[in-house]
Amino acid sequence: MMINNINVVVMYKHDKNALIVSVVRCRDLPAKDPNLGSSDPYVKLQLLPDKQHKVKTRVLRKTRNPVYDEDFTFYSIGMYPII
């Protein structure tokens, strides 16, 4: 059984009403092209239920273990809807 994972860090800044999501890396992603054994992965983030905030990481070519180290800040996000 293959276990895939994504590492993210989530922080909330009370003074700015901001949610910060850091996409760190993914590991052991399935190969999109089985002949090449690799993928061109990216990560999409979307805050629910409003679906107003949509972002994505850059695409990293030919890897199944991408390292992103990308931060996304969502402003005007109240703490209580997050919990």
C-alpha atoms as a PDB file:
ATOM      1  CA  MET A   1       0.000   0.000   0.000  1.00  0.00           C
ATOM      2  CA  MET A   2       1.429   3.372  -1.027  1.00  0.00           C
ATOM      3  CA  ILE A   3       1.102   6.245   1.425  1.00  0.00           C
ATOM      4  CA  ASN A   4       1.233   9.732  -0.070  1.00  0.00           C
ATOM      5  CA  ASN A   5       1.545  12.799   2.092  1.00  0.00           C
ATOM      6  CA  ILE A   6       1.664  16.565   2.030  1.00  0.00           C
ATOM      7  CA  ASN A   7       3.365  18.714   4.645  1.00  0.00           C
ATOM      8  CA  VAL A   8       1.704  22.037   5.446  1.00  0.00           C
ATOM      9  CA  VAL A   9       1.955  24.512   8.305  1.00  0.00           C
ATOM     10  CA  VAL A  10      -1.102  26.556   9.278  1.00  0.00           C
ATOM     11  CA  MET A  11      -0.879  29.692  11.437  1.00  0.00           C
ATOM     12  CA  TYR A  12      -3.363  32.379  12.397  1.00  0.00           C
ATOM     13  CA  LYS A  13      -2.261  35.984  13.060  1.00  0.00           C
ATOM     14  CA  HIS A  14      -4.832  37.534  15.411  1.00  0.00           C
ATOM     15  CA  ASP A  15      -3.515  41.085  14.992  1.00  0.00           C
ATOM     16  CA  LYS A  16      -4.032  40.949  11.205  1.00  0.00           C
ATOM     17  CA  ASN A  17      -7.036  38.585  10.982  1.00  0.00           C
ATOM     18  CA  ALA A  18      -4.907  36.526   8.618  1.00  0.00           C
ATOM     19  CA  LEU A  19      -4.612  32.821   8.003  1.00  0.00           C
ATOM     20  CA  ILE A  20      -1.190  31.746   6.746  1.00  0.00           C
ATOM     21  CA  VAL A  21      -0.816  28.388   5.031  1.00  0.00           C
ATOM     22  CA  SER A  22       2.693  27.228   4.181  1.00  0.00           C
ATOM     23  CA  VAL A  23       2.912  24.413   1.650  1.00  0.00           C
ATOM     24  CA  VAL A  24       6.204  22.732   2.464  1.00  0.00           C
ATOM     25  CA  ARG A  25       6.486  19.541   0.421  1.00  0.00           C
ATOM     26  CA  CYS A  26       4.787  16.399  -0.862  1.00  0.00           C
ATOM     27  CA  ARG A  27       6.188  12.883  -0.799  1.00  0.00           C
ATOM     28  CA  ASP A  28       5.572   9.691  -2.731  1.00  0.00           C
ATOM     29  CA  LEU A  29       3.018  11.108  -5.145  1.00  0.00           C
ATOM     30  CA  PRO A  30       1.677   8.701  -7.751  1.00  0.00           C
ATOM     31  CA  ALA A  31       3.214   8.929 -11.207  1.00  0.00           C
ATOM     32  CA  LYS A  32       0.934  10.648 -13.701  1.00  0.00           C
ATOM     33  CA  ASP A  33       2.792   9.000 -16.542  1.00  0.00           C
ATOM     34  CA  PRO A  34       3.629   5.395 -15.593  1.00  0.00           C
ATOM     35  CA  ASN A  35       6.079   5.117 -18.511  1.00  0.00           C
ATOM     36  CA  LEU A  36       8.204   7.972 -17.162  1.00  0.00           C
ATOM     37  CA  GLY A  37       7.506   7.313 -13.489  1.00  0.00           C
ATOM     38  CA  SER A  38       7.037  11.001 -12.705  1.00  0.00           C
ATOM     39  CA  SER A  39       4.482  13.787 -12.445  1.00  0.00           C
ATOM     40  CA  ASP A  40       4.222  17.572 -12.790  1.00  0.00           C
ATOM     41  CA  PRO A  41       2.525  18.306  -9.453  1.00  0.00           C
ATOM     42  CA  TYR A  42       1.113  21.451  -7.895  1.00  0.00           C
ATOM     43  CA  VAL A  43      -1.081  22.121  -4.848  1.00  0.00           C
ATOM     44  CA  LYS A  44      -4.414  23.969  -4.968  1.00  0.00           C
ATOM     45  CA  LEU A  45      -5.834  25.643  -1.860  1.00  0.00           C
ATOM     46  CA  GLN A  46      -9.398  26.845  -1.530  1.00  0.00           C
ATOM     47  CA  LEU A  47     -11.106  28.122   1.605  1.00  0.00           C
ATOM     48  CA  LEU A  48     -14.594  26.827   2.229  1.00  0.00           C
ATOM     49  CA  PRO A  49     -17.499  27.456   2.428  1.00  0.00           C
ATOM     50  CA  ASP A  50     -17.250  30.721   0.452  1.00  0.00           C
ATOM     51  CA  LYS A  51     -14.773  29.454  -2.162  1.00  0.00           C
ATOM     52  CA  GLN A  52     -13.614  33.052  -2.606  1.00  0.00           C
ATOM     53  CA  HIS A  53      -9.968  32.452  -1.799  1.00  0.00           C
ATOM     54  CA  LYS A  54      -8.255  30.219  -4.371  1.00  0.00           C
ATOM     55  CA  VAL A  55      -4.504  29.873  -4.825  1.00  0.00           C
ATOM     56  CA  LYS A  56      -2.047  27.317  -6.166  1.00  0.00           C
ATOM     57  CA  THR A  57       1.645  26.609  -5.965  1.00  0.00           C
ATOM     58  CA  ARG A  58       3.969  26.665  -8.915  1.00  0.00           C
ATOM     59  CA  VAL A  59       4.198  23.498 -11.003  1.00  0.00           C
ATOM     60  CA  LEU A  60       7.320  21.440 -10.388  1.00  0.00           C
ATOM     61  CA  ARG A  61       8.220  19.297 -13.376  1.00  0.00           C
ATOM     62  CA  LYS A  62       9.086  15.614 -13.407  1.00  0.00           C
ATOM     63  CA  THR A  63       9.037  14.861  -9.700  1.00  0.00           C
ATOM     64  CA  ARG A  64       7.076  12.738  -7.275  1.00  0.00           C
ATOM     65  CA  ASN A  65       8.613  14.454  -4.224  1.00  0.00           C
ATOM     66  CA  PRO A  66       8.209  18.202  -4.802  1.00  0.00           C
ATOM     67  CA  VAL A  67       9.490  20.790  -2.332  1.00  0.00           C
ATOM     68  CA  TYR A  68       7.509  24.034  -2.517  1.00  0.00           C
ATOM     69  CA  ASP A  69       8.228  26.159   0.573  1.00  0.00           C
ATOM     70  CA  GLU A  70       5.479  28.579  -0.498  1.00  0.00           C
ATOM     71  CA  ASP A  71       3.398  30.718   1.881  1.00  0.00           C
ATOM     72  CA  PHE A  72      -0.140  31.872   1.199  1.00  0.00           C
ATOM     73  CA  THR A  73      -1.800  34.546   3.322  1.00  0.00           C
ATOM     74  CA  PHE A  74      -5.569  34.894   3.447  1.00  0.00           C
ATOM     75  CA  TYR A  75      -6.678  38.221   4.973  1.00  0.00           C
ATOM     76  CA  SER A  76      -9.983  39.150   6.620  1.00  0.00           C
ATOM     77  CA  ILE A  77     -10.441  35.629   7.926  1.00  0.00           C
ATOM     78  CA  GLY A  78     -12.088  35.464  11.344  1.00  0.00           C
ATOM     79  CA  MET A  79     -10.663  32.945  13.811  1.00  0.00           C
ATOM     80  CA  TYR A  80     -13.979  31.359  14.780  1.00  0.00           C
ATOM     81  CA  PRO A  81     -15.052  30.085  11.329  1.00  0.00           C
ATOM     82  CA  ILE A  82     -11.714  28.281  11.069  1.00  0.00           C
ATOM     83  CA  ILE A  83     -12.182  26.131  14.167  1.00  0.00           C
END
